[in-house]
Amino acid sequence: MSIGEPQRGAAAQVAVTELGVKAIKEKKPGTAGRFIMQGVSSNIFTVIALLIGFLWSIPTFGLFVSSFRPASLITSTGWWTGLIPPWTFTLDNYVQVVAAQGMGTAFLNSLIIAIPGTILPTLIGAFSAYAFSWMKFPGRDWIFFGIVALMVVPLQITLVPLLGLFTAVGLTGQYASVWLAHTAFGLPFAIYLLRNFFASLPSDLMESAHIDGAGHFTIFWNILLPLAVPALASLCIFQFMWVWNDLLISLIFLSGNPARAPMTLTVANLVNSFGSNYQVLTSAAFVSMALPLLVFFSMQRYFVRGILAGAVKG
């Protein structure tokens, strides 16, 4: 080895070091600038989101305050005056609504409708999503495409033939008609959301389970369902909200049986009968909102995780 080679090596190292330091110096302002811009942007968006959430919740809070105020004060003053002492809150509005107007029975009817109307599409959708994700059969992709395409079909155009079918088999006016309708209308979205989540799971997990001798049902029940809790929770929130707040399906399939009318139908009848009794309507509206709010806030930690998990892989 000649004497010049170590010198050239040392010079090359020095040159590389100088270039690296120069690149780092040149890169720092840009990186810091981007970091500051990202921090400012995220803070601005956070403030905007909080402001929108606050403004969006004002009507609900006003409805809650008005539901506890006497009728004379509701018609003469704004709801915000109820926050100023002396307070004149009362439970008479809720007592009248629950006892005299049948909201207690309607609340139970809504539970009877909403619980199966949420569990059935979630369970069937989970089975179907597993099949479309990890089972191979002819026409799998085309069938999945057809199911997803059903999400764009308007609900209203299916009600007339569905009503004729239920009338022919004697289901009109029964809870089963509403359960079947909500299951059919909720399945396309349920299958789409859960299939995307199941398909995003690593294939090594399924292969290992198959090597260990696990069948499809074992894999689905013992492996996928525990992993899919966020996606299932977000789907349950969506489906429960849709079923609980539904008026059209209940109006068509249960209007001939007032004893099984849910809260949405009962509140609509109260609006027609007690349009001038604002205190009755505020109490009835908040009773109908209480359970969905409780369900959402109790499961909100899973909501965003489930939605993002379903969007990982299409």
C-alpha atoms as a PDB file:
ATOM      1  CA  MET A   1       0.000   0.000   0.000  1.00  0.00           C
ATOM      2  CA  SER A   2       1.385   3.396  -0.904  1.00  0.00           C
ATOM      3  CA  ILE A   3       1.614   6.314   1.463  1.00  0.00           C
ATOM      4  CA  GLY A   4      -0.936   8.297  -0.544  1.00  0.00           C
ATOM      5  CA  GLU A   5      -3.796   5.821  -0.066  1.00  0.00           C
ATOM      6  CA  PRO A   6      -4.302   6.399   3.686  1.00  0.00           C
ATOM      7  CA  GLN A   7      -4.108  10.111   3.082  1.00  0.00           C
ATOM      8  CA  ARG A   8      -6.733   9.904   0.370  1.00  0.00           C
ATOM      9  CA  GLY A   9      -8.896   7.756   2.679  1.00  0.00           C
ATOM     10  CA  ALA A  10      -8.596  10.254   5.512  1.00  0.00           C
ATOM     11  CA  ALA A  11      -9.345  13.127   3.137  1.00  0.00           C
ATOM     12  CA  ALA A  12     -12.379  11.291   1.830  1.00  0.00           C
ATOM     13  CA  GLN A  13     -13.654  10.722   5.371  1.00  0.00           C
ATOM     14  CA  VAL A  14     -13.160  14.398   6.198  1.00  0.00           C
ATOM     15  CA  ALA A  15     -14.972  15.400   3.015  1.00  0.00           C
ATOM     16  CA  VAL A  16     -17.868  13.082   3.764  1.00  0.00           C
ATOM     17  CA  THR A  17     -18.092  14.389   7.315  1.00  0.00           C
ATOM     18  CA  GLU A  18     -18.086  17.999   6.120  1.00  0.00           C
ATOM     19  CA  LEU A  19     -20.769  17.238   3.570  1.00  0.00           C
ATOM     20  CA  GLY A  20     -22.869  15.476   6.234  1.00  0.00           C
ATOM     21  CA  VAL A  21     -22.573  18.386   8.637  1.00  0.00           C
ATOM     22  CA  LYS A  22     -23.441  20.821   5.872  1.00  0.00           C
ATOM     23  CA  ALA A  23     -26.483  18.761   4.867  1.00  0.00           C
ATOM     24  CA  ILE A  24     -27.647  18.592   8.461  1.00  0.00           C
ATOM     25  CA  LYS A  25     -27.229  22.348   8.865  1.00  0.00           C
ATOM     26  CA  GLU A  26     -29.115  22.986   5.672  1.00  0.00           C
ATOM     27  CA  LYS A  27     -31.861  20.535   6.638  1.00  0.00           C
ATOM     28  CA  LYS A  28     -32.500  21.786  10.162  1.00  0.00           C
ATOM     29  CA  PRO A  29     -34.355  24.983   9.279  1.00  0.00           C
ATOM     30  CA  GLY A  30     -36.621  23.164   6.854  1.00  0.00           C
ATOM     31  CA  THR A  31     -37.364  20.395   9.343  1.00  0.00           C
ATOM     32  CA  ALA A  32     -37.956  22.846  12.163  1.00  0.00           C
ATOM     33  CA  GLY A  33     -40.156  24.961   9.921  1.00  0.00           C
ATOM     34  CA  ARG A  34     -42.253  21.990   8.918  1.00  0.00           C
ATOM     35  CA  PHE A  35     -42.521  20.919  12.553  1.00  0.00           C
ATOM     36  CA  ILE A  36     -43.703  24.386  13.586  1.00  0.00           C
ATOM     37  CA  MET A  37     -46.206  24.539  10.737  1.00  0.00           C
ATOM     38  CA  GLN A  38     -47.535  21.103  11.615  1.00  0.00           C
ATOM     39  CA  GLY A  39     -47.862  22.093  15.280  1.00  0.00           C
ATOM     40  CA  VAL A  40     -49.636  25.337  14.437  1.00  0.00           C
ATOM     41  CA  SER A  41     -51.922  23.596  11.952  1.00  0.00           C
ATOM     42  CA  SER A  42     -52.811  20.818  14.409  1.00  0.00           C
ATOM     43  CA  ASN A  43     -53.511  23.364  17.156  1.00  0.00           C
ATOM     44  CA  ILE A  44     -55.699  25.400  14.845  1.00  0.00           C
ATOM     45  CA  PHE A  45     -57.636  22.350  13.734  1.00  0.00           C
ATOM     46  CA  THR A  46     -58.037  21.246  17.353  1.00  0.00           C
ATOM     47  CA  VAL A  47     -59.461  24.627  18.333  1.00  0.00           C
ATOM     48  CA  ILE A  48     -61.793  24.615  15.326  1.00  0.00           C
ATOM     49  CA  ALA A  49     -62.981  21.084  16.110  1.00  0.00           C
ATOM     50  CA  LEU A  50     -63.609  21.958  19.761  1.00  0.00           C
ATOM     51  CA  LEU A  51     -65.472  25.102  18.743  1.00  0.00           C
ATOM     52  CA  ILE A  52     -67.671  23.193  16.284  1.00  0.00           C
ATOM     53  CA  GLY A  53     -68.346  20.520  18.902  1.00  0.00           C
ATOM     54  CA  PHE A  54     -69.290  23.170  21.466  1.00  0.00           C
ATOM     55  CA  LEU A  55     -71.638  24.973  19.078  1.00  0.00           C
ATOM     56  CA  TRP A  56     -73.159  21.660  17.974  1.00  0.00           C
ATOM     57  CA  SER A  57     -73.923  20.685  21.584  1.00  0.00           C
ATOM     58  CA  ILE A  58     -75.677  23.946  22.511  1.00  0.00           C
ATOM     59  CA  PRO A  59     -79.127  22.904  21.148  1.00  0.00           C
ATOM     60  CA  THR A  60     -78.910  19.578  22.995  1.00  0.00           C
ATOM     61  CA  PHE A  61     -77.983  21.316  26.230  1.00  0.00           C
ATOM     62  CA  GLY A  62     -80.789  23.848  25.732  1.00  0.00           C
ATOM     63  CA  LEU A  63     -83.236  21.010  25.172  1.00  0.00           C
ATOM     64  CA  PHE A  64     -82.015  19.336  28.365  1.00  0.00           C
ATOM     65  CA  VAL A  65     -82.486  22.512  30.423  1.00  0.00           C
ATOM     66  CA  SER A  66     -85.929  23.220  28.943  1.00  0.00           C
ATOM     67  CA  SER A  67     -87.121  19.705  29.727  1.00  0.00           C
ATOM     68  CA  PHE A  68     -86.853  20.488  33.468  1.00  0.00           C
ATOM     69  CA  ARG A  69     -88.556  23.910  33.354  1.00  0.00           C
ATOM     70  CA  PRO A  70     -92.263  24.628  34.009  1.00  0.00           C
ATOM     71  CA  ALA A  71     -94.480  25.303  31.017  1.00  0.00           C
ATOM     72  CA  SER A  72     -95.097  28.944  32.022  1.00  0.00           C
ATOM     73  CA  LEU A  73     -91.380  29.748  31.980  1.00  0.00           C
ATOM     74  CA  ILE A  74     -90.666  27.841  28.764  1.00  0.00           C
ATOM     75  CA  THR A  75     -93.205  29.911  26.826  1.00  0.00           C
ATOM     76  CA  SER A  76     -92.159  33.253  28.327  1.00  0.00           C
ATOM     77  CA  THR A  77     -88.348  33.100  28.664  1.00  0.00           C
ATOM     78  CA  GLY A  78     -85.381  31.521  26.923  1.00  0.00           C
ATOM     79  CA  TRP A  79     -83.778  28.343  28.168  1.00  0.00           C
ATOM     80  CA  TRP A  80     -80.571  30.159  29.185  1.00  0.00           C
ATOM     81  CA  THR A  81     -82.494  32.097  31.856  1.00  0.00           C
ATOM     82  CA  GLY A  82     -83.023  28.803  33.653  1.00  0.00           C
ATOM     83  CA  LEU A  83     -79.322  28.754  34.516  1.00  0.00           C
ATOM     84  CA  ILE A  84     -79.628  31.944  36.582  1.00  0.00           C
ATOM     85  CA  PRO A  85     -80.732  31.613  40.240  1.00  0.00           C
ATOM     86  CA  PRO A  86     -83.289  31.142  41.611  1.00  0.00           C
ATOM     87  CA  TRP A  87     -83.699  27.811  39.817  1.00  0.00           C
ATOM     88  CA  THR A  88     -87.197  26.506  39.194  1.00  0.00           C
ATOM     89  CA  PHE A  89     -86.573  23.020  37.862  1.00  0.00           C
ATOM     90  CA  THR A  90     -89.217  20.305  38.038  1.00  0.00           C
ATOM     91  CA  LEU A  91     -89.669  16.644  37.086  1.00  0.00           C
ATOM     92  CA  ASP A  92     -93.371  17.030  36.233  1.00  0.00           C
ATOM     93  CA  ASN A  93     -92.646  17.091  32.505  1.00  0.00           C
ATOM     94  CA  TYR A  94     -90.941  13.685  32.616  1.00  0.00           C
ATOM     95  CA  VAL A  95     -93.635  12.227  34.843  1.00  0.00           C
ATOM     96  CA  GLN A  96     -96.310  13.378  32.403  1.00  0.00           C
ATOM     97  CA  VAL A  97     -94.474  12.055  29.375  1.00  0.00           C
ATOM     98  CA  VAL A  98     -93.514   8.658  30.790  1.00  0.00           C
ATOM     99  CA  ALA A  99     -96.758   7.929  32.635  1.00  0.00           C
ATOM    100  CA  ALA A 100     -99.507   9.722  30.724  1.00  0.00           C
ATOM    101  CA  GLN A 101     -98.209   9.727  27.147  1.00  0.00           C
ATOM    102  CA  GLY A 102     -96.920   6.162  26.993  1.00  0.00           C
ATOM    103  CA  MET A 103     -93.232   6.958  26.538  1.00  0.00           C
ATOM    104  CA  GLY A 104     -92.288   4.260  29.031  1.00  0.00           C
ATOM    105  CA  THR A 105     -93.898   1.567  26.878  1.00  0.00           C
ATOM    106  CA  ALA A 106     -92.438   3.153  23.741  1.00  0.00           C
ATOM    107  CA  PHE A 107     -88.974   3.078  25.349  1.00  0.00           C
ATOM    108  CA  LEU A 108     -89.269  -0.668  25.925  1.00  0.00           C
ATOM    109  CA  ASN A 109     -90.534  -1.143  22.357  1.00  0.00           C
ATOM    110  CA  SER A 110     -87.511   0.744  21.035  1.00  0.00           C
ATOM    111  CA  LEU A 111     -85.206  -1.510  23.032  1.00  0.00           C
ATOM    112  CA  ILE A 112     -86.974  -4.612  21.712  1.00  0.00           C
ATOM    113  CA  ILE A 113     -86.490  -3.317  18.173  1.00  0.00           C
ATOM    114  CA  ALA A 114     -82.982  -1.852  18.497  1.00  0.00           C
ATOM    115  CA  ILE A 115     -81.175  -4.696  20.275  1.00  0.00           C
ATOM    116  CA  PRO A 116     -81.977  -7.481  17.754  1.00  0.00           C
ATOM    117  CA  GLY A 117     -81.797  -4.919  14.941  1.00  0.00           C
ATOM    118  CA  THR A 118     -78.189  -4.262  15.964  1.00  0.00           C
ATOM    119  CA  ILE A 119     -77.030  -7.763  16.902  1.00  0.00           C
ATOM    120  CA  LEU A 120     -78.380  -9.565  13.821  1.00  0.00           C
ATOM    121  CA  PRO A 121     -76.669  -7.492  11.089  1.00  0.00           C
ATOM    122  CA  THR A 122     -73.466  -7.309  13.147  1.00  0.00           C
ATOM    123  CA  LEU A 123     -73.274 -11.075  13.631  1.00  0.00           C
ATOM    124  CA  ILE A 124     -74.313 -11.993  10.096  1.00  0.00           C
ATOM    125  CA  GLY A 125     -72.051  -9.290   8.677  1.00  0.00           C
ATOM    126  CA  ALA A 126     -69.092 -10.648  10.680  1.00  0.00           C
ATOM    127  CA  PHE A 127     -69.613 -14.172   9.323  1.00  0.00           C
ATOM    128  CA  SER A 128     -69.946 -12.838   5.779  1.00  0.00           C
ATOM    129  CA  ALA A 129     -66.919 -10.563   6.125  1.00  0.00           C
ATOM    130  CA  TYR A 130     -64.773 -13.495   7.236  1.00  0.00           C
ATOM    131  CA  ALA A 131     -65.913 -15.515   4.228  1.00  0.00           C
ATOM    132  CA  PHE A 132     -65.114 -12.679   1.818  1.00  0.00           C
ATOM    133  CA  SER A 133     -61.715 -12.106   3.463  1.00  0.00           C
ATOM    134  CA  TRP A 134     -60.260 -15.570   4.091  1.00  0.00           C
ATOM    135  CA  MET A 135     -62.347 -18.142   2.231  1.00  0.00           C
ATOM    136  CA  LYS A 136     -62.009 -18.823  -1.480  1.00  0.00           C
ATOM    137  CA  PHE A 137     -65.089 -19.633  -3.542  1.00  0.00           C
ATOM    138  CA  PRO A 138     -66.183 -18.897  -7.133  1.00  0.00           C
ATOM    139  CA  GLY A 139     -67.317 -15.330  -7.770  1.00  0.00           C
ATOM    140  CA  ARG A 140     -66.206 -14.054  -4.371  1.00  0.00           C
ATOM    141  CA  ASP A 141     -65.059 -10.630  -5.569  1.00  0.00           C
ATOM    142  CA  TRP A 142     -68.093 -10.106  -7.808  1.00  0.00           C
ATOM    143  CA  ILE A 143     -70.508 -11.036  -5.027  1.00  0.00           C
ATOM    144  CA  PHE A 144     -68.728  -8.646  -2.662  1.00  0.00           C
ATOM    145  CA  PHE A 145     -68.884  -5.911  -5.288  1.00  0.00           C
ATOM    146  CA  GLY A 146     -72.634  -6.496  -5.661  1.00  0.00           C
ATOM    147  CA  ILE A 147     -73.176  -6.285  -1.900  1.00  0.00           C
ATOM    148  CA  VAL A 148     -71.215  -3.040  -1.649  1.00  0.00           C
ATOM    149  CA  ALA A 149     -73.211  -1.634  -4.581  1.00  0.00           C
ATOM    150  CA  LEU A 150     -76.399  -2.169  -2.555  1.00  0.00           C
ATOM    151  CA  MET A 151     -75.327   0.676  -0.265  1.00  0.00           C
ATOM    152  CA  VAL A 152     -76.255   3.187  -2.979  1.00  0.00           C
ATOM    153  CA  VAL A 153     -79.762   1.759  -3.459  1.00  0.00           C
ATOM    154  CA  PRO A 154     -82.327   4.139  -1.893  1.00  0.00           C
ATOM    155  CA  LEU A 155     -84.186   2.644   1.023  1.00  0.00           C
ATOM    156  CA  GLN A 156     -87.538   4.002  -0.102  1.00  0.00           C
ATOM    157  CA  ILE A 157     -87.750   2.036  -3.355  1.00  0.00           C
ATOM    158  CA  THR A 158     -87.575  -1.276  -1.482  1.00  0.00           C
ATOM    159  CA  LEU A 159     -90.317  -0.565   1.058  1.00  0.00           C
ATOM    160  CA  VAL A 160     -93.332  -1.259  -1.179  1.00  0.00           C
ATOM    161  CA  PRO A 161     -92.251  -4.751  -2.354  1.00  0.00           C
ATOM    162  CA  LEU A 162     -91.019  -5.544   1.147  1.00  0.00           C
ATOM    163  CA  LEU A 163     -94.354  -4.513   2.644  1.00  0.00           C
ATOM    164  CA  GLY A 164     -96.164  -6.725   0.143  1.00  0.00           C
ATOM    165  CA  LEU A 165     -93.914  -9.656   1.050  1.00  0.00           C
ATOM    166  CA  PHE A 166     -94.383  -9.203   4.799  1.00  0.00           C
ATOM    167  CA  THR A 167     -98.139  -8.825   4.371  1.00  0.00           C
ATOM    168  CA  ALA A 168     -98.290 -12.061   2.385  1.00  0.00           C
ATOM    169  CA  VAL A 169     -96.503 -14.022   5.128  1.00  0.00           C
ATOM    170  CA  GLY A 170     -98.303 -12.275   8.006  1.00  0.00           C
ATOM    171  CA  LEU A 171     -95.367 -10.345   9.491  1.00  0.00           C
ATOM    172  CA  THR A 172     -96.830  -6.844   9.213  1.00  0.00           C
ATOM    173  CA  GLY A 173     -97.282  -5.289  12.634  1.00  0.00           C
ATOM    174  CA  GLN A 174     -94.818  -7.727  14.231  1.00  0.00           C
ATOM    175  CA  TYR A 175     -91.383  -7.018  15.634  1.00  0.00           C
ATOM    176  CA  ALA A 176     -89.908  -9.599  13.274  1.00  0.00           C
ATOM    177  CA  SER A 177     -90.740  -7.446  10.252  1.00  0.00           C
ATOM    178  CA  VAL A 178     -88.703  -4.540  11.624  1.00  0.00           C
ATOM    179  CA  TRP A 179     -85.834  -6.829  12.649  1.00  0.00           C
ATOM    180  CA  LEU A 180     -85.620  -8.349   9.181  1.00  0.00           C
ATOM    181  CA  ALA A 181     -85.857  -4.960   7.474  1.00  0.00           C
ATOM    182  CA  HIS A 182     -83.087  -3.387   9.563  1.00  0.00           C
ATOM    183  CA  THR A 183     -80.920  -6.466   9.123  1.00  0.00           C
ATOM    184  CA  ALA A 184     -81.305  -6.406   5.348  1.00  0.00           C
ATOM    185  CA  PHE A 185     -80.654  -2.664   5.084  1.00  0.00           C
ATOM    186  CA  GLY A 186     -77.687  -2.741   7.479  1.00  0.00           C
ATOM    187  CA  LEU A 187     -75.850  -5.751   6.057  1.00  0.00           C
ATOM    188  CA  PRO A 188     -74.099  -4.070   3.074  1.00  0.00           C
ATOM    189  CA  PHE A 189     -72.341  -1.514   5.255  1.00  0.00           C
ATOM    190  CA  ALA A 190     -71.612  -4.103   7.961  1.00  0.00           C
ATOM    191  CA  ILE A 191     -70.011  -6.497   5.474  1.00  0.00           C
ATOM    192  CA  TYR A 192     -68.006  -3.705   3.841  1.00  0.00           C
ATOM    193  CA  LEU A 193     -66.623  -2.348   7.121  1.00  0.00           C
ATOM    194  CA  LEU A 194     -65.790  -5.689   8.712  1.00  0.00           C
ATOM    195  CA  ARG A 195     -64.389  -7.238   5.531  1.00  0.00           C
ATOM    196  CA  ASN A 196     -61.889  -4.381   5.222  1.00  0.00           C
ATOM    197  CA  PHE A 197     -60.816  -4.931   8.823  1.00  0.00           C
ATOM    198  CA  PHE A 198     -60.533  -8.715   8.524  1.00  0.00           C
ATOM    199  CA  ALA A 199     -58.584  -8.423   5.271  1.00  0.00           C
ATOM    200  CA  SER A 200     -56.047  -6.124   6.953  1.00  0.00           C
ATOM    201  CA  LEU A 201     -55.052  -8.800   9.467  1.00  0.00           C
ATOM    202  CA  PRO A 202     -51.753 -10.619   8.750  1.00  0.00           C
ATOM    203  CA  SER A 203     -52.079 -13.784   6.716  1.00  0.00           C
ATOM    204  CA  ASP A 204     -49.415 -15.470   8.865  1.00  0.00           C
ATOM    205  CA  LEU A 205     -51.893 -15.496  11.716  1.00  0.00           C
ATOM    206  CA  MET A 206     -54.422 -17.477   9.680  1.00  0.00           C
ATOM    207  CA  GLU A 207     -51.808 -19.814   8.269  1.00  0.00           C
ATOM    208  CA  SER A 208     -50.483 -20.599  11.741  1.00  0.00           C
ATOM    209  CA  ALA A 209     -53.987 -21.342  12.979  1.00  0.00           C
ATOM    210  CA  HIS A 210     -54.637 -23.665  10.027  1.00  0.00           C
ATOM    211  CA  ILE A 211     -51.325 -25.455  10.626  1.00  0.00           C
ATOM    212  CA  ASP A 212     -52.344 -26.007  14.254  1.00  0.00           C
ATOM    213  CA  GLY A 213     -55.514 -27.691  13.027  1.00  0.00           C
ATOM    214  CA  ALA A 214     -58.018 -24.896  13.639  1.00  0.00           C
ATOM    215  CA  GLY A 215     -61.060 -24.771  11.389  1.00  0.00           C
ATOM    216  CA  HIS A 216     -62.758 -21.702   9.977  1.00  0.00           C
ATOM    217  CA  PHE A 217     -65.270 -21.418  12.813  1.00  0.00           C
ATOM    218  CA  THR A 218     -62.540 -21.722  15.458  1.00  0.00           C
ATOM    219  CA  ILE A 219     -60.424 -19.091  13.758  1.00  0.00           C
ATOM    220  CA  PHE A 220     -63.399 -16.777  13.405  1.00  0.00           C
ATOM    221  CA  TRP A 221     -64.700 -17.194  16.945  1.00  0.00           C
ATOM    222  CA  ASN A 222     -61.463 -17.436  18.938  1.00  0.00           C
ATOM    223  CA  ILE A 223     -59.030 -15.301  16.913  1.00  0.00           C
ATOM    224  CA  LEU A 224     -60.800 -12.799  14.689  1.00  0.00           C
ATOM    225  CA  LEU A 225     -63.655 -11.693  16.946  1.00  0.00           C
ATOM    226  CA  PRO A 226     -61.390 -10.722  19.876  1.00  0.00           C
ATOM    227  CA  LEU A 227     -59.183  -8.762  17.479  1.00  0.00           C
ATOM    228  CA  ALA A 228     -62.192  -7.121  15.820  1.00  0.00           C
ATOM    229  CA  VAL A 229     -63.660  -5.547  18.971  1.00  0.00           C
ATOM    230  CA  PRO A 230     -62.968  -1.928  17.811  1.00  0.00           C
ATOM    231  CA  ALA A 231     -64.524  -2.545  14.379  1.00  0.00           C
ATOM    232  CA  LEU A 232     -67.495  -4.389  15.885  1.00  0.00           C
ATOM    233  CA  ALA A 233     -68.027  -1.620  18.440  1.00  0.00           C
ATOM    234  CA  SER A 234     -68.014   1.109  15.793  1.00  0.00           C
ATOM    235  CA  LEU A 235     -70.441  -0.898  13.677  1.00  0.00           C
ATOM    236  CA  CYS A 236     -72.728  -1.431  16.675  1.00  0.00           C
ATOM    237  CA  ILE A 237     -72.739   2.318  17.331  1.00  0.00           C
ATOM    238  CA  PHE A 238     -73.711   3.071  13.729  1.00  0.00           C
ATOM    239  CA  GLN A 239     -76.368   0.386  13.554  1.00  0.00           C
ATOM    240  CA  PHE A 240     -77.869   1.165  16.960  1.00  0.00           C
ATOM    241  CA  MET A 241     -78.158   4.857  16.094  1.00  0.00           C
ATOM    242  CA  TRP A 242     -79.828   4.064  12.775  1.00  0.00           C
ATOM    243  CA  VAL A 243     -82.326   1.631  14.290  1.00  0.00           C
ATOM    244  CA  TRP A 244     -83.085   3.724  17.373  1.00  0.00           C
ATOM    245  CA  ASN A 245     -83.684   6.926  15.381  1.00  0.00           C
ATOM    246  CA  ASP A 246     -85.599   5.233  12.575  1.00  0.00           C
ATOM    247  CA  LEU A 247     -89.111   6.456  11.887  1.00  0.00           C
ATOM    248  CA  LEU A 248     -89.867   5.387   8.331  1.00  0.00           C
ATOM    249  CA  ILE A 249     -89.545   1.612   8.739  1.00  0.00           C
ATOM    250  CA  SER A 250     -91.489   1.603  12.004  1.00  0.00           C
ATOM    251  CA  LEU A 251     -94.160   3.823  10.491  1.00  0.00           C
ATOM    252  CA  ILE A 252     -94.670   1.434   7.569  1.00  0.00           C
ATOM    253  CA  PHE A 253     -94.410  -1.937   9.283  1.00  0.00           C
ATOM    254  CA  LEU A 254     -95.730  -1.156  12.792  1.00  0.00           C
ATOM    255  CA  SER A 255     -98.238   1.657  12.271  1.00  0.00           C
ATOM    256  CA  GLY A 256    -101.085  -0.863  12.333  1.00  0.00           C
ATOM    257  CA  ASN A 257    -100.073  -1.986  15.834  1.00  0.00           C
ATOM    258  CA  PRO A 258     -99.794   1.093  18.141  1.00  0.00           C
ATOM    259  CA  ALA A 259     -98.984  -1.112  21.153  1.00  0.00           C
ATOM    260  CA  ARG A 260     -95.587  -1.904  19.557  1.00  0.00           C
ATOM    261  CA  ALA A 261     -94.754   1.602  18.369  1.00  0.00           C
ATOM    262  CA  PRO A 262     -91.185   2.758  19.202  1.00  0.00           C
ATOM    263  CA  MET A 263     -90.234   6.130  20.629  1.00  0.00           C
ATOM    264  CA  THR A 264     -89.746   7.835  17.272  1.00  0.00           C
ATOM    265  CA  LEU A 265     -93.311   7.016  16.263  1.00  0.00           C
ATOM    266  CA  THR A 266     -94.657   8.026  19.679  1.00  0.00           C
ATOM    267  CA  VAL A 267     -92.792  11.349  19.612  1.00  0.00           C
ATOM    268  CA  ALA A 268     -94.122  12.039  16.104  1.00  0.00           C
ATOM    269  CA  ASN A 269     -97.652  11.441  17.376  1.00  0.00           C
ATOM    270  CA  LEU A 270     -96.985  13.750  20.336  1.00  0.00           C
ATOM    271  CA  VAL A 271     -95.912  16.509  17.943  1.00  0.00           C
ATOM    272  CA  ASN A 272     -99.241  16.184  16.143  1.00  0.00           C
ATOM    273  CA  SER A 273    -101.244  16.037  19.380  1.00  0.00           C
ATOM    274  CA  PHE A 274     -99.254  18.377  21.659  1.00  0.00           C
ATOM    275  CA  GLY A 275     -97.705  20.826  19.258  1.00  0.00           C
ATOM    276  CA  SER A 276     -98.370  23.723  21.635  1.00  0.00           C
ATOM    277  CA  ASN A 277     -97.170  21.890  24.766  1.00  0.00           C
ATOM    278  CA  TYR A 278     -93.488  22.527  24.319  1.00  0.00           C
ATOM    279  CA  GLN A 279     -92.551  21.156  27.742  1.00  0.00           C
ATOM    280  CA  VAL A 280     -93.972  17.738  26.812  1.00  0.00           C
ATOM    281  CA  LEU A 281     -92.073  17.632  23.541  1.00  0.00           C
ATOM    282  CA  THR A 282     -88.738  18.649  25.112  1.00  0.00           C
ATOM    283  CA  SER A 283     -89.004  15.920  27.748  1.00  0.00           C
ATOM    284  CA  ALA A 284     -90.044  13.316  25.182  1.00  0.00           C
ATOM    285  CA  ALA A 285     -87.219  14.316  22.833  1.00  0.00           C
ATOM    286  CA  PHE A 286     -84.573  14.104  25.543  1.00  0.00           C
ATOM    287  CA  VAL A 287     -85.863  10.732  26.760  1.00  0.00           C
ATOM    288  CA  SER A 288     -85.444   9.450  23.208  1.00  0.00           C
ATOM    289  CA  MET A 289     -81.915  10.912  23.014  1.00  0.00           C
ATOM    290  CA  ALA A 290     -80.653   9.729  26.399  1.00  0.00           C
ATOM    291  CA  LEU A 291     -79.834   6.113  25.543  1.00  0.00           C
ATOM    292  CA  PRO A 292     -78.082   6.799  22.190  1.00  0.00           C
ATOM    293  CA  LEU A 293     -75.906   9.394  23.911  1.00  0.00           C
ATOM    294  CA  LEU A 294     -75.065   6.912  26.657  1.00  0.00           C
ATOM    295  CA  VAL A 295     -74.188   4.208  24.124  1.00  0.00           C
ATOM    296  CA  PHE A 296     -72.003   6.559  22.089  1.00  0.00           C
ATOM    297  CA  PHE A 297     -70.041   8.004  25.010  1.00  0.00           C
ATOM    298  CA  SER A 298     -69.523   4.594  26.596  1.00  0.00           C
ATOM    299  CA  MET A 299     -68.117   3.143  23.352  1.00  0.00           C
ATOM    300  CA  GLN A 300     -66.460   6.183  21.793  1.00  0.00           C
ATOM    301  CA  ARG A 301     -62.927   4.938  22.595  1.00  0.00           C
ATOM    302  CA  TYR A 302     -63.515   2.129  20.072  1.00  0.00           C
ATOM    303  CA  PHE A 303     -65.230   4.311  17.494  1.00  0.00           C
ATOM    304  CA  VAL A 304     -62.293   6.026  15.761  1.00  0.00           C
ATOM    305  CA  ARG A 305     -60.083   2.934  16.116  1.00  0.00           C
ATOM    306  CA  GLY A 306     -62.707   0.785  14.426  1.00  0.00           C
ATOM    307  CA  ILE A 307     -63.301   3.203  11.570  1.00  0.00           C
ATOM    308  CA  LEU A 308     -59.576   3.642  10.881  1.00  0.00           C
ATOM    309  CA  ALA A 309     -59.009  -0.107  11.114  1.00  0.00           C
ATOM    310  CA  GLY A 310     -61.690  -0.679   8.509  1.00  0.00           C
ATOM    311  CA  ALA A 311     -59.979   1.747   6.155  1.00  0.00           C
ATOM    312  CA  VAL A 312     -56.535   0.147   6.231  1.00  0.00           C
ATOM    313  CA  LYS A 313     -57.047  -2.259   3.361  1.00  0.00           C
ATOM    314  CA  GLY A 314     -59.786  -2.346   0.747  1.00  0.00           C
END
